Amino acid sequence: MSIIFGIIGNVIVLYSYALIIYILMSWFPNARESGIGQFLARICEPYLEPFRRFIPPLGMIDISPIVAILVLNFAGRGIDALQFMF
């Protein structure tokens, strides 16, 4: 059982890195139009979209990705806690 929780925890960490890279790509012109950018958009936008619906941008700054990463981090910590219970 701990192997499954370990795999899920590693997937959460990798997805967090993918989100961070995707967010940083918005700072560079045409980076999201590249093949990597389009791949990251396909895997990151479905997760980010619900947060963008409920959290409005503050001026020109969109803080919803920060909240999304925090929620993912809390989920990872929950998985870690479950791993030690089993």
Protein backbone atom coordinates (compact mmCIF):
# COMPACT_ATOMS: atom_id res chain seq x y z
CA MET A 1 0.00 0.00 0.00
CA SER A 2 2.83 2.40 0.76
CA ILE A 3 4.17 1.90 -2.78
CA ILE A 4 0.89 3.20 -4.22
CA PHE A 5 0.94 6.23 -1.92
CA GLY A 6 4.58 6.83 -2.87
CA ILE A 7 3.74 6.77 -6.57
CA ILE A 8 0.79 9.12 -6.07
CA GLY A 9 3.01 11.47 -4.03
CA ASN A 10 5.64 11.48 -6.79
CA VAL A 11 2.99 12.20 -9.43
CA ILE A 12 1.75 15.15 -7.36
CA VAL A 13 5.30 16.53 -7.11
CA LEU A 14 5.84 16.14 -10.87
CA TYR A 15 2.51 17.80 -11.59
CA SER A 16 3.47 20.69 -9.30
CA TYR A 17 6.66 21.16 -11.30
CA ALA A 18 4.66 21.05 -14.53
CA LEU A 19 2.35 23.76 -13.19
CA ILE A 20 5.27 25.96 -12.18
CA ILE A 21 6.92 25.58 -15.58
CA TYR A 22 3.62 26.30 -17.33
CA ILE A 23 3.09 29.44 -15.25
CA LEU A 24 6.63 30.67 -15.87
CA MET A 25 6.18 30.11 -19.60
CA SER A 26 3.63 32.94 -19.61
CA TRP A 27 6.51 35.36 -19.01
CA PHE A 28 8.21 34.49 -22.29
CA PRO A 29 6.73 35.44 -25.66
CA ASN A 30 5.47 32.51 -27.77
CA ALA A 31 6.64 29.93 -25.21
CA ARG A 32 3.14 28.52 -24.76
CA GLU A 33 2.80 28.06 -28.52
CA SER A 34 5.73 25.62 -28.60
CA GLY A 35 5.17 21.88 -28.47
CA ILE A 36 6.09 21.72 -24.78
CA GLY A 37 3.84 24.68 -24.04
CA GLN A 38 0.89 23.06 -25.79
CA PHE A 39 1.49 19.77 -23.97
CA LEU A 40 1.65 21.56 -20.61
CA ALA A 41 -1.51 23.50 -21.49
CA ARG A 42 -3.37 20.24 -22.14
CA ILE A 43 -2.41 18.83 -18.76
CA CYS A 44 -2.44 22.01 -16.64
CA GLU A 45 -5.40 24.04 -17.88
CA PRO A 46 -8.09 21.54 -16.78
CA TYR A 47 -6.76 21.78 -13.22
CA LEU A 48 -6.27 25.56 -13.25
CA GLU A 49 -9.62 26.42 -14.84
CA PRO A 50 -11.83 25.86 -11.74
CA PHE A 51 -9.53 28.06 -9.66
CA ARG A 52 -9.70 30.82 -12.29
CA ARG A 53 -13.49 30.69 -12.17
CA PHE A 54 -13.63 31.37 -8.42
CA ILE A 55 -10.58 33.59 -7.87
CA PRO A 56 -10.64 36.85 -9.80
CA PRO A 57 -7.36 38.41 -10.95
CA LEU A 58 -5.97 41.28 -8.92
CA GLY A 59 -5.41 43.86 -11.62
CA MET A 60 -2.96 42.27 -14.05
CA ILE A 61 -1.91 39.51 -11.62
CA ASP A 62 -3.65 36.14 -11.63
CA ILE A 63 -3.18 34.54 -8.21
CA SER A 64 -5.28 31.46 -8.97
CA PRO A 65 -2.22 29.36 -9.98
CA ILE A 66 -0.67 30.07 -6.58
CA VAL A 67 -3.80 28.82 -4.84
CA ALA A 68 -3.90 25.79 -7.17
CA ILE A 69 -0.30 24.89 -6.27
CA LEU A 70 -1.06 25.32 -2.56
CA VAL A 71 -4.06 22.98 -2.83
CA LEU A 72 -1.91 20.44 -4.68
CA ASN A 73 0.75 20.78 -1.98
CA PHE A 74 -1.83 20.13 0.76
CA ALA A 75 -3.05 17.07 -1.16
CA GLY A 76 0.53 15.80 -1.31
CA ARG A 77 0.90 16.26 2.42
CA GLY A 78 -2.34 14.38 2.95
CA ILE A 79 -1.06 11.51 0.84
CA ASP A 80 2.14 11.50 2.88
CA ALA A 81 0.12 11.35 6.11
CA LEU A 82 -1.97 8.48 4.73
CA GLN A 83 1.19 6.64 3.75
CA PHE A 84 2.32 6.53 7.37
CA MET A 85 -1.09 5.39 8.59
CA PHE A 86 -1.00 2.25 6.44
